[in-house]
Amino acid sequence: MTDLIIKFDRIGRSGTTPEAALTLHVPEAFADDPQRIAEFVFPHVRRHLVSSEFMVTVDLEKRAVLIDGGRFGGGRILEAV
């Protein structure tokens, strides 16, 4: 398992910011796959949004997480342990 720590700047249109960073436990086989990482992030983000019609995008090169292209917020990957 690889632990990814993600700090969201904002989740949702209203600017809800979770208090703590999210620690994701990602299987080693998926640690370099942005699409699979996004699938792990989705359930966490879903708890903060009214709609379930959004996409989570992960850019490992920029260490960024975008929710619906940034429209519903985003964050950054702080570290991988």
PDB file of N, CA and C in Angstrom:
ATOM      1  N   MET A   1       0.833  -1.192   0.000  1.00  0.00           N
ATOM      2  CA  MET A   1       0.000   0.000   0.000  1.00  0.00           C
ATOM      3  C   MET A   1       0.872   1.248   0.000  1.00  0.00           C
ATOM      4  N   THR A   2       0.392   2.233  -0.719  1.00  0.00           N
ATOM      5  CA  THR A   2       1.010   3.552  -0.730  1.00  0.00           C
ATOM      6  C   THR A   2       0.019   4.519  -0.105  1.00  0.00           C
ATOM      7  N   ASP A   3       0.473   5.358   0.794  1.00  0.00           N
ATOM      8  CA  ASP A   3      -0.384   6.364   1.389  1.00  0.00           C
ATOM      9  C   ASP A   3      -0.169   7.691   0.681  1.00  0.00           C
ATOM     10  N   LEU A   4      -1.246   8.255   0.149  1.00  0.00           N
ATOM     11  CA  LEU A   4      -1.209   9.580  -0.464  1.00  0.00           C
ATOM     12  C   LEU A   4      -1.939  10.538   0.464  1.00  0.00           C
ATOM     13  N   ILE A   5      -1.331  11.654   0.745  1.00  0.00           N
ATOM     14  CA  ILE A   5      -1.957  12.656   1.597  1.00  0.00           C
ATOM     15  C   ILE A   5      -2.401  13.810   0.705  1.00  0.00           C
ATOM     16  N   ILE A   6      -3.716  14.088   0.741  1.00  0.00           N
ATOM     17  CA  ILE A   6      -4.298  15.122  -0.111  1.00  0.00           C
ATOM     18  C   ILE A   6      -4.920  16.187   0.774  1.00  0.00           C
ATOM     19  N   LYS A   7      -4.567  17.435   0.528  1.00  0.00           N
ATOM     20  CA  LYS A   7      -5.153  18.567   1.241  1.00  0.00           C
ATOM     21  C   LYS A   7      -6.025  19.324   0.250  1.00  0.00           C
ATOM     22  N   PHE A   8      -7.318  19.377   0.535  1.00  0.00           N
ATOM     23  CA  PHE A   8      -8.250  20.082  -0.337  1.00  0.00           C
ATOM     24  C   PHE A   8      -8.300  21.556   0.028  1.00  0.00           C
ATOM     25  N   ASP A   9      -8.235  22.413  -0.993  1.00  0.00           N
ATOM     26  CA  ASP A   9      -8.396  23.843  -0.796  1.00  0.00           C
ATOM     27  C   ASP A   9      -9.881  24.166  -0.648  1.00  0.00           C
ATOM     28  N   ARG A  10     -10.679  23.418  -1.406  1.00  0.00           N
ATOM     29  CA  ARG A  10     -12.122  23.651  -1.396  1.00  0.00           C
ATOM     30  C   ARG A  10     -12.812  22.427  -1.954  1.00  0.00           C
ATOM     31  N   ILE A  11     -13.972  22.110  -1.382  1.00  0.00           N
ATOM     32  CA  ILE A  11     -14.848  21.086  -1.939  1.00  0.00           C
ATOM     33  C   ILE A  11     -16.242  21.697  -1.988  1.00  0.00           C
ATOM     34  N   GLY A  12     -16.813  21.774  -3.176  1.00  0.00           N
ATOM     35  CA  GLY A  12     -18.155  22.328  -3.345  1.00  0.00           C
ATOM     36  C   GLY A  12     -18.127  23.774  -3.782  1.00  0.00           C
ATOM     37  N   ARG A  13     -19.257  24.223  -4.310  1.00  0.00           N
ATOM     38  CA  ARG A  13     -19.359  25.609  -4.787  1.00  0.00           C
ATOM     39  C   ARG A  13     -19.291  26.610  -3.659  1.00  0.00           C
ATOM     40  N   SER A  14     -19.784  26.227  -2.483  1.00  0.00           N
ATOM     41  CA  SER A  14     -19.828  27.162  -1.356  1.00  0.00           C
ATOM     42  C   SER A  14     -18.477  27.329  -0.682  1.00  0.00           C
ATOM     43  N   GLY A  15     -17.516  26.520  -1.073  1.00  0.00           N
ATOM     44  CA  GLY A  15     -16.181  26.671  -0.522  1.00  0.00           C
ATOM     45  C   GLY A  15     -15.934  25.903   0.757  1.00  0.00           C
ATOM     46  N   THR A  16     -16.683  24.852   0.984  1.00  0.00           N
ATOM     47  CA  THR A  16     -16.461  24.032   2.171  1.00  0.00           C
ATOM     48  C   THR A  16     -15.044  23.463   2.131  1.00  0.00           C
ATOM     49  N   THR A  17     -14.306  23.679   3.188  1.00  0.00           N
ATOM     50  CA  THR A  17     -12.952  23.154   3.262  1.00  0.00           C
ATOM     51  C   THR A  17     -12.876  22.153   4.402  1.00  0.00           C
ATOM     52  N   PRO A  18     -12.573  20.906   4.085  1.00  0.00           N
ATOM     53  CA  PRO A  18     -12.413  19.909   5.151  1.00  0.00           C
ATOM     54  C   PRO A  18     -11.310  20.326   6.114  1.00  0.00           C
ATOM     55  N   GLU A  19     -11.498  20.004   7.374  1.00  0.00           N
ATOM     56  CA  GLU A  19     -10.544  20.429   8.406  1.00  0.00           C
ATOM     57  C   GLU A  19      -9.180  19.771   8.265  1.00  0.00           C
ATOM     58  N   ALA A  20      -9.157  18.513   7.901  1.00  0.00           N
ATOM     59  CA  ALA A  20      -7.901  17.765   7.879  1.00  0.00           C
ATOM     60  C   ALA A  20      -7.595  17.253   6.471  1.00  0.00           C
ATOM     61  N   ALA A  21      -6.379  16.886   6.279  1.00  0.00           N
ATOM     62  CA  ALA A  21      -5.986  16.286   5.010  1.00  0.00           C
ATOM     63  C   ALA A  21      -6.523  14.861   4.942  1.00  0.00           C
ATOM     64  N   LEU A  22      -6.755  14.414   3.734  1.00  0.00           N
ATOM     65  CA  LEU A  22      -7.237  13.059   3.490  1.00  0.00           C
ATOM     66  C   LEU A  22      -6.036  12.152   3.257  1.00  0.00           C
ATOM     67  N   THR A  23      -5.984  11.049   3.964  1.00  0.00           N
ATOM     68  CA  THR A  23      -4.953  10.052   3.715  1.00  0.00           C
ATOM     69  C   THR A  23      -5.605   8.880   3.000  1.00  0.00           C
ATOM     70  N   LEU A  24      -5.148   8.618   1.787  1.00  0.00           N
ATOM     71  CA  LEU A  24      -5.666   7.505   0.988  1.00  0.00           C
ATOM     72  C   LEU A  24      -4.682   6.349   1.039  1.00  0.00           C
ATOM     73  N   HIS A  25      -5.210   5.167   1.226  1.00  0.00           N
ATOM     74  CA  HIS A  25      -4.398   3.955   1.187  1.00  0.00           C
ATOM     75  C   HIS A  25      -4.632   3.320  -0.179  1.00  0.00           C
ATOM     76  N   VAL A  26      -3.671   3.480  -1.070  1.00  0.00           N
ATOM     77  CA  VAL A  26      -3.792   3.028  -2.452  1.00  0.00           C
ATOM     78  C   VAL A  26      -2.888   1.813  -2.670  1.00  0.00           C
ATOM     79  N   PRO A  27      -3.421   0.739  -3.239  1.00  0.00           N
ATOM     80  CA  PRO A  27      -2.571  -0.416  -3.532  1.00  0.00           C
ATOM     81  C   PRO A  27      -1.395  -0.019  -4.430  1.00  0.00           C
ATOM     82  N   GLU A  28      -0.249  -0.612  -4.187  1.00  0.00           N
ATOM     83  CA  GLU A  28       0.970  -0.297  -4.956  1.00  0.00           C
ATOM     84  C   GLU A  28       0.736  -0.332  -6.462  1.00  0.00           C
ATOM     85  N   ALA A  29      -0.047  -1.283  -6.925  1.00  0.00           N
ATOM     86  CA  ALA A  29      -0.289  -1.436  -8.362  1.00  0.00           C
ATOM     87  C   ALA A  29      -0.985  -0.227  -8.970  1.00  0.00           C
ATOM     88  N   PHE A  30      -1.667   0.576  -8.140  1.00  0.00           N
ATOM     89  CA  PHE A  30      -2.406   1.736  -8.650  1.00  0.00           C
ATOM     90  C   PHE A  30      -1.734   3.061  -8.318  1.00  0.00           C
ATOM     91  N   ALA A  31      -0.619   3.047  -7.621  1.00  0.00           N
ATOM     92  CA  ALA A  31       0.003   4.271  -7.119  1.00  0.00           C
ATOM     93  C   ALA A  31       0.449   5.234  -8.211  1.00  0.00           C
ATOM     94  N   ASP A  32       0.686   4.742  -9.420  1.00  0.00           N
ATOM     95  CA  ASP A  32       1.112   5.608 -10.523  1.00  0.00           C
ATOM     96  C   ASP A  32       0.011   5.788 -11.558  1.00  0.00           C
ATOM     97  N   ASP A  33      -1.212   5.424 -11.220  1.00  0.00           N
ATOM     98  CA  ASP A  33      -2.331   5.494 -12.154  1.00  0.00           C
ATOM     99  C   ASP A  33      -3.312   6.569 -11.691  1.00  0.00           C
ATOM    100  N   PRO A  34      -3.287   7.749 -12.328  1.00  0.00           N
ATOM    101  CA  PRO A  34      -4.137   8.851 -11.876  1.00  0.00           C
ATOM    102  C   PRO A  34      -5.631   8.525 -11.905  1.00  0.00           C
ATOM    103  N   GLN A  35      -6.073   7.760 -12.890  1.00  0.00           N
ATOM    104  CA  GLN A  35      -7.487   7.410 -12.972  1.00  0.00           C
ATOM    105  C   GLN A  35      -7.911   6.547 -11.787  1.00  0.00           C
ATOM    106  N   ARG A  36      -7.096   5.585 -11.440  1.00  0.00           N
ATOM    107  CA  ARG A  36      -7.425   4.707 -10.295  1.00  0.00           C
ATOM    108  C   ARG A  36      -7.384   5.489  -8.982  1.00  0.00           C
ATOM    109  N   ILE A  37      -6.422   6.400  -8.847  1.00  0.00           N
ATOM    110  CA  ILE A  37      -6.358   7.234  -7.643  1.00  0.00           C
ATOM    111  C   ILE A  37      -7.622   8.083  -7.542  1.00  0.00           C
ATOM    112  N   ALA A  38      -8.064   8.640  -8.666  1.00  0.00           N
ATOM    113  CA  ALA A  38      -9.295   9.440  -8.695  1.00  0.00           C
ATOM    114  C   ALA A  38     -10.488   8.622  -8.204  1.00  0.00           C
ATOM    115  N   GLU A  39     -10.515   7.340  -8.532  1.00  0.00           N
ATOM    116  CA  GLU A  39     -11.593   6.467  -8.065  1.00  0.00           C
ATOM    117  C   GLU A  39     -11.569   6.315  -6.540  1.00  0.00           C
ATOM    118  N   PHE A  40     -10.398   6.364  -5.945  1.00  0.00           N
ATOM    119  CA  PHE A  40     -10.285   6.294  -4.494  1.00  0.00           C
ATOM    120  C   PHE A  40     -10.692   7.616  -3.840  1.00  0.00           C
ATOM    121  N   VAL A  41     -10.449   8.738  -4.516  1.00  0.00           N
ATOM    122  CA  VAL A  41     -10.784  10.063  -3.987  1.00  0.00           C
ATOM    123  C   VAL A  41     -12.288  10.331  -4.072  1.00  0.00           C
ATOM    124  N   PHE A  42     -12.936   9.837  -5.110  1.00  0.00           N
ATOM    125  CA  PHE A  42     -14.341  10.127  -5.396  1.00  0.00           C
ATOM    126  C   PHE A  42     -15.262   9.940  -4.178  1.00  0.00           C
ATOM    127  N   PRO A  43     -15.236   8.796  -3.477  1.00  0.00           N
ATOM    128  CA  PRO A  43     -16.164   8.616  -2.349  1.00  0.00           C
ATOM    129  C   PRO A  43     -15.986   9.662  -1.240  1.00  0.00           C
ATOM    130  N   HIS A  44     -14.753  10.083  -1.009  1.00  0.00           N
ATOM    131  CA  HIS A  44     -14.504  11.106   0.006  1.00  0.00           C
ATOM    132  C   HIS A  44     -15.147  12.424  -0.410  1.00  0.00           C
ATOM    133  N   VAL A  45     -14.928  12.816  -1.659  1.00  0.00           N
ATOM    134  CA  VAL A  45     -15.477  14.075  -2.166  1.00  0.00           C
ATOM    135  C   VAL A  45     -17.003  14.011  -2.189  1.00  0.00           C
ATOM    136  N   ARG A  46     -17.546  12.881  -2.565  1.00  0.00           N
ATOM    137  CA  ARG A  46     -18.998  12.706  -2.687  1.00  0.00           C
ATOM    138  C   ARG A  46     -19.727  13.037  -1.388  1.00  0.00           C
ATOM    139  N   ARG A  47     -19.108  12.752  -0.257  1.00  0.00           N
ATOM    140  CA  ARG A  47     -19.733  13.034   1.046  1.00  0.00           C
ATOM    141  C   ARG A  47     -19.955  14.526   1.273  1.00  0.00           C
ATOM    142  N   HIS A  48     -19.209  15.366   0.563  1.00  0.00           N
ATOM    143  CA  HIS A  48     -19.275  16.815   0.765  1.00  0.00           C
ATOM    144  C   HIS A  48     -20.131  17.531  -0.276  1.00  0.00           C
ATOM    145  N   LEU A  49     -20.601  16.820  -1.287  1.00  0.00           N
ATOM    146  CA  LEU A  49     -21.358  17.444  -2.369  1.00  0.00           C
ATOM    147  C   LEU A  49     -22.801  16.962  -2.395  1.00  0.00           C
ATOM    148  N   VAL A  50     -23.697  17.805  -2.864  1.00  0.00           N
ATOM    149  CA  VAL A  50     -25.096  17.434  -3.012  1.00  0.00           C
ATOM    150  C   VAL A  50     -25.271  16.514  -4.218  1.00  0.00           C
ATOM    151  N   SER A  51     -24.609  16.838  -5.295  1.00  0.00           N
ATOM    152  CA  SER A  51     -24.731  16.075  -6.535  1.00  0.00           C
ATOM    153  C   SER A  51     -23.706  14.943  -6.592  1.00  0.00           C
ATOM    154  N   SER A  52     -24.063  13.885  -7.286  1.00  0.00           N
ATOM    155  CA  SER A  52     -23.093  12.822  -7.535  1.00  0.00           C
ATOM    156  C   SER A  52     -22.627  12.865  -8.991  1.00  0.00           C
ATOM    157  N   GLU A  53     -23.008  13.924  -9.685  1.00  0.00           N
ATOM    158  CA  GLU A  53     -22.644  14.111 -11.093  1.00  0.00           C
ATOM    159  C   GLU A  53     -21.413  15.014 -11.198  1.00  0.00           C
ATOM    160  N   PHE A  54     -20.246  14.456 -10.954  1.00  0.00           N
ATOM    161  CA  PHE A  54     -18.990  15.190 -11.064  1.00  0.00           C
ATOM    162  C   PHE A  54     -17.872  14.205 -11.341  1.00  0.00           C
ATOM    163  N   MET A  55     -16.757  14.736 -11.783  1.00  0.00           N
ATOM    164  CA  MET A  55     -15.573  13.913 -12.035  1.00  0.00           C
ATOM    165  C   MET A  55     -14.428  14.389 -11.153  1.00  0.00           C
ATOM    166  N   VAL A  56     -13.618  13.455 -10.731  1.00  0.00           N
ATOM    167  CA  VAL A  56     -12.383  13.772 -10.019  1.00  0.00           C
ATOM    168  C   VAL A  56     -11.233  13.461 -10.967  1.00  0.00           C
ATOM    169  N   THR A  57     -10.345  14.429 -11.124  1.00  0.00           N
ATOM    170  CA  THR A  57      -9.186  14.264 -11.991  1.00  0.00           C
ATOM    171  C   THR A  57      -7.923  14.414 -11.149  1.00  0.00           C
ATOM    172  N   VAL A  58      -6.979  13.525 -11.354  1.00  0.00           N
ATOM    173  CA  VAL A  58      -5.708  13.573 -10.633  1.00  0.00           C
ATOM    174  C   VAL A  58      -4.598  13.789 -11.648  1.00  0.00           C
ATOM    175  N   ASP A  59      -3.765  14.790 -11.399  1.00  0.00           N
ATOM    176  CA  ASP A  59      -2.596  15.066 -12.231  1.00  0.00           C
ATOM    177  C   ASP A  59      -1.369  14.821 -11.353  1.00  0.00           C
ATOM    178  N   LEU A  60      -0.727  13.672 -11.542  1.00  0.00           N
ATOM    179  CA  LEU A  60       0.407  13.319 -10.698  1.00  0.00           C
ATOM    180  C   LEU A  60       1.620  14.205 -10.954  1.00  0.00           C
ATOM    181  N   GLU A  61       1.779  14.669 -12.176  1.00  0.00           N
ATOM    182  CA  GLU A  61       2.914  15.530 -12.497  1.00  0.00           C
ATOM    183  C   GLU A  61       2.821  16.864 -11.756  1.00  0.00           C
ATOM    184  N   LYS A  62       1.615  17.436 -11.714  1.00  0.00           N
ATOM    185  CA  LYS A  62       1.390  18.707 -11.014  1.00  0.00           C
ATOM    186  C   LYS A  62       1.020  18.497  -9.553  1.00  0.00           C
ATOM    187  N   ARG A  63       0.802  17.216  -9.167  1.00  0.00           N
ATOM    188  CA  ARG A  63       0.406  16.850  -7.812  1.00  0.00           C
ATOM    189  C   ARG A  63      -0.901  17.544  -7.426  1.00  0.00           C
ATOM    190  N   ALA A  64      -1.843  17.560  -8.391  1.00  0.00           N
ATOM    191  CA  ALA A  64      -3.110  18.259  -8.218  1.00  0.00           C
ATOM    192  C   ALA A  64      -4.293  17.307  -8.313  1.00  0.00           C
ATOM    193  N   VAL A  65      -5.347  17.654  -7.580  1.00  0.00           N
ATOM    194  CA  VAL A  65      -6.623  16.954  -7.641  1.00  0.00           C
ATOM    195  C   VAL A  65      -7.673  18.004  -7.974  1.00  0.00           C
ATOM    196  N   LEU A  66      -8.433  17.778  -9.041  1.00  0.00           N
ATOM    197  CA  LEU A  66      -9.491  18.713  -9.437  1.00  0.00           C
ATOM    198  C   LEU A  66     -10.835  18.014  -9.379  1.00  0.00           C
ATOM    199  N   ILE A  67     -11.823  18.730  -8.872  1.00  0.00           N
ATOM    200  CA  ILE A  67     -13.183  18.212  -8.817  1.00  0.00           C
ATOM    201  C   ILE A  67     -13.971  18.914  -9.911  1.00  0.00           C
ATOM    202  N   ASP A  68     -14.375  18.164 -10.912  1.00  0.00           N
ATOM    203  CA  ASP A  68     -15.077  18.681 -12.080  1.00  0.00           C
ATOM    204  C   ASP A  68     -14.300  19.836 -12.710  1.00  0.00           C
ATOM    205  N   GLY A  69     -13.045  19.612 -12.976  1.00  0.00           N
ATOM    206  CA  GLY A  69     -12.194  20.616 -13.616  1.00  0.00           C
ATOM    207  C   GLY A  69     -11.921  21.839 -12.773  1.00  0.00           C
ATOM    208  N   GLY A  70     -12.159  21.754 -11.477  1.00  0.00           N
ATOM    209  CA  GLY A  70     -11.941  22.879 -10.574  1.00  0.00           C
ATOM    210  C   GLY A  70     -13.231  23.603 -10.225  1.00  0.00           C
ATOM    211  N   ARG A  71     -14.304  23.310 -10.929  1.00  0.00           N
ATOM    212  CA  ARG A  71     -15.578  23.976 -10.688  1.00  0.00           C
ATOM    213  C   ARG A  71     -16.092  23.709  -9.271  1.00  0.00           C
ATOM    214  N   PHE A  72     -15.884  22.493  -8.782  1.00  0.00           N
ATOM    215  CA  PHE A  72     -16.337  22.132  -7.441  1.00  0.00           C
ATOM    216  C   PHE A  72     -15.172  22.043  -6.457  1.00  0.00           C
ATOM    217  N   GLY A  73     -14.044  22.619  -6.813  1.00  0.00           N
ATOM    218  CA  GLY A  73     -12.914  22.655  -5.898  1.00  0.00           C
ATOM    219  C   GLY A  73     -11.760  21.790  -6.335  1.00  0.00           C
ATOM    220  N   GLY A  74     -10.852  21.595  -5.409  1.00  0.00           N
ATOM    221  CA  GLY A  74      -9.666  20.815  -5.699  1.00  0.00           C
ATOM    222  C   GLY A  74      -8.709  20.839  -4.534  1.00  0.00           C
ATOM    223  N   GLY A  75      -7.579  20.219  -4.768  1.00  0.00           N
ATOM    224  CA  GLY A  75      -6.565  20.165  -3.717  1.00  0.00           C
ATOM    225  C   GLY A  75      -5.235  19.745  -4.308  1.00  0.00           C
ATOM    226  N   ARG A  76      -4.337  19.412  -3.427  1.00  0.00           N
ATOM    227  CA  ARG A  76      -2.999  19.025  -3.866  1.00  0.00           C
ATOM    228  C   ARG A  76      -2.525  17.812  -3.086  1.00  0.00           C
ATOM    229  N   ILE A  77      -1.729  17.023  -3.762  1.00  0.00           N
ATOM    230  CA  ILE A  77      -1.129  15.852  -3.121  1.00  0.00           C
ATOM    231  C   ILE A  77       0.120  16.338  -2.412  1.00  0.00           C
ATOM    232  N   LEU A  78       0.116  16.230  -1.097  1.00  0.00           N
ATOM    233  CA  LEU A  78       1.230  16.744  -0.317  1.00  0.00           C
ATOM    234  C   LEU A  78       2.417  15.803  -0.305  1.00  0.00           C
ATOM    235  N   GLU A  79       2.127  14.512  -0.177  1.00  0.00           N
ATOM    236  CA  GLU A  79       3.221  13.547  -0.146  1.00  0.00           C
ATOM    237  C   GLU A  79       2.693  12.146  -0.383  1.00  0.00           C
ATOM    238  N   ALA A  80       3.600  11.318  -0.758  1.00  0.00           N
ATOM    239  CA  ALA A  80       3.290   9.890  -0.882  1.00  0.00           C
ATOM    240  C   ALA A  80       4.221   9.165   0.064  1.00  0.00           C
ATOM    241  N   VAL A  81       3.669   8.331   0.915  1.00  0.00           N
ATOM    242  CA  VAL A  81       4.471   7.631   1.921  1.00  0.00           C
ATOM    243  C   VAL A  81       4.518   6.169   1.568  1.00  0.00           C
TER     244      VAL A  81
END
